[in-house]
Amino acid sequence: MSLKMAPFDRSHTKKPAWKQPISASIRNLITQKGKLLKQYIHIKTLRYCFLTKNRNIVRNKTKQIDRFNQNEIAKDCKDNLKRFWKYVKAKTTRTNQ
């Protein structure tokens, strides 16, 4: 009797894609944050303040990008209504997850 293994479906575990591309420096900060978190959880050699500093830097950079995009949409809303309403729709509709 042979046991056949069913293929493992990872489609439900995928993270949603970024709405816009992010720079390589921010991607590096995000991966560094993940590594520091793993190191803190598993090894406990890292001080918590290093983890929080890195986490705050990542959050500030991503908020900065969001603010920049919102300001661009606000400056351009009279000329480019489609972009404005696309932003509004993205914020008001819900995804089924």
Protein backbone atom coordinates (compact mmCIF):
# COMPACT_ATOMS: atom_id res chain seq x y z
CA MET A 1 0.00 0.00 0.00
CA SER A 2 1.51 3.30 -1.04
CA LEU A 3 0.53 6.61 0.39
CA LYS A 4 0.25 9.45 -2.03
CA MET A 5 0.84 12.89 -0.69
CA ALA A 6 -1.53 15.60 -1.77
CA PRO A 7 0.15 18.79 -2.94
CA PHE A 8 0.16 21.51 -0.33
CA ASP A 9 -1.83 24.51 -1.42
CA ARG A 10 -0.22 27.75 -0.27
CA SER A 11 -2.58 30.10 -2.08
CA HIS A 12 -4.41 31.00 1.12
CA THR A 13 -1.17 31.87 2.92
CA LYS A 14 0.06 34.45 0.41
CA LYS A 15 0.29 38.02 1.58
CA PRO A 16 -1.64 40.59 -0.40
CA ALA A 17 0.52 42.46 -2.88
CA TRP A 18 1.66 46.00 -2.26
CA LYS A 19 -0.59 48.59 -3.87
CA GLN A 20 2.48 50.35 -5.23
CA PRO A 21 6.12 49.43 -5.55
CA ILE A 22 8.34 50.35 -2.61
CA SER A 23 11.97 51.33 -2.76
CA ALA A 24 14.77 48.87 -2.10
CA SER A 25 15.89 50.75 1.01
CA ILE A 26 12.46 50.42 2.64
CA ARG A 27 12.28 46.74 1.65
CA ASN A 28 15.65 46.24 3.34
CA LEU A 29 14.40 47.98 6.48
CA ILE A 30 11.35 45.70 6.54
CA THR A 31 13.45 42.55 6.19
CA GLN A 32 15.84 43.81 8.85
CA LYS A 33 12.86 44.39 11.15
CA GLY A 34 11.70 40.82 10.60
CA LYS A 35 15.16 39.43 11.32
CA LEU A 36 15.43 41.47 14.51
CA LEU A 37 12.01 40.26 15.65
CA LYS A 38 12.94 36.60 15.06
CA GLN A 39 16.20 37.14 16.88
CA TYR A 40 14.40 38.75 19.81
CA ILE A 41 11.74 36.02 20.04
CA HIS A 42 13.96 32.97 19.66
CA ILE A 43 17.32 33.95 21.11
CA LYS A 44 16.49 36.85 23.45
CA THR A 45 19.98 38.28 22.95
CA LEU A 46 18.67 41.45 21.41
CA ARG A 47 17.57 44.32 23.58
CA TYR A 48 13.97 45.37 23.03
CA CYS A 49 14.92 49.01 22.35
CA PHE A 50 16.79 48.02 19.15
CA LEU A 51 13.68 46.25 17.93
CA THR A 52 11.39 49.18 18.69
CA LYS A 53 13.73 51.71 17.09
CA ASN A 54 13.83 49.72 13.87
CA ARG A 55 10.07 49.15 13.96
CA ASN A 56 9.43 52.87 14.41
CA ILE A 57 11.78 53.78 11.55
CA VAL A 58 9.93 51.40 9.21
CA ARG A 59 6.56 52.74 10.28
CA ASN A 60 7.65 56.37 9.87
CA LYS A 61 9.00 55.71 6.36
CA THR A 62 5.79 53.98 5.24
CA LYS A 63 3.64 56.74 6.73
CA GLN A 64 5.81 59.29 4.92
CA ILE A 65 5.11 57.57 1.60
CA ASP A 66 1.37 57.50 2.34
CA ARG A 67 1.35 61.20 3.24
CA PHE A 68 3.26 62.08 0.08
CA ASN A 69 0.75 60.16 -2.07
CA GLN A 70 -2.21 61.76 -0.32
CA ASN A 71 -0.74 65.22 -0.85
CA GLU A 72 -0.18 64.49 -4.54
CA ILE A 73 -3.79 63.34 -4.91
CA ALA A 74 -5.04 66.42 -3.05
CA LYS A 75 -2.99 68.80 -5.22
CA ASP A 76 -4.17 67.08 -8.38
CA CYS A 77 -7.81 66.43 -7.45
CA LYS A 78 -9.30 69.27 -9.53
CA ASP A 79 -7.46 68.20 -12.66
CA ASN A 80 -7.53 64.43 -12.18
CA LEU A 81 -10.86 63.38 -10.69
CA LYS A 82 -10.39 59.76 -11.73
CA ARG A 83 -7.33 59.40 -9.49
CA PHE A 84 -9.19 61.02 -6.59
CA TRP A 85 -12.23 58.75 -6.87
CA LYS A 86 -10.00 55.71 -7.30
CA TYR A 87 -8.37 56.59 -3.98
CA VAL A 88 -11.76 57.11 -2.32
CA LYS A 89 -13.04 53.79 -3.64
CA ALA A 90 -9.92 52.00 -2.41
CA LYS A 91 -10.52 53.36 1.09
CA THR A 92 -14.25 52.69 1.25
CA THR A 93 -14.62 49.21 -0.25
CA ARG A 94 -13.90 46.08 1.77
CA THR A 95 -12.15 42.96 0.60
CA ASN A 96 -13.43 39.50 1.47
CA GLN A 97 -10.73 37.81 3.49
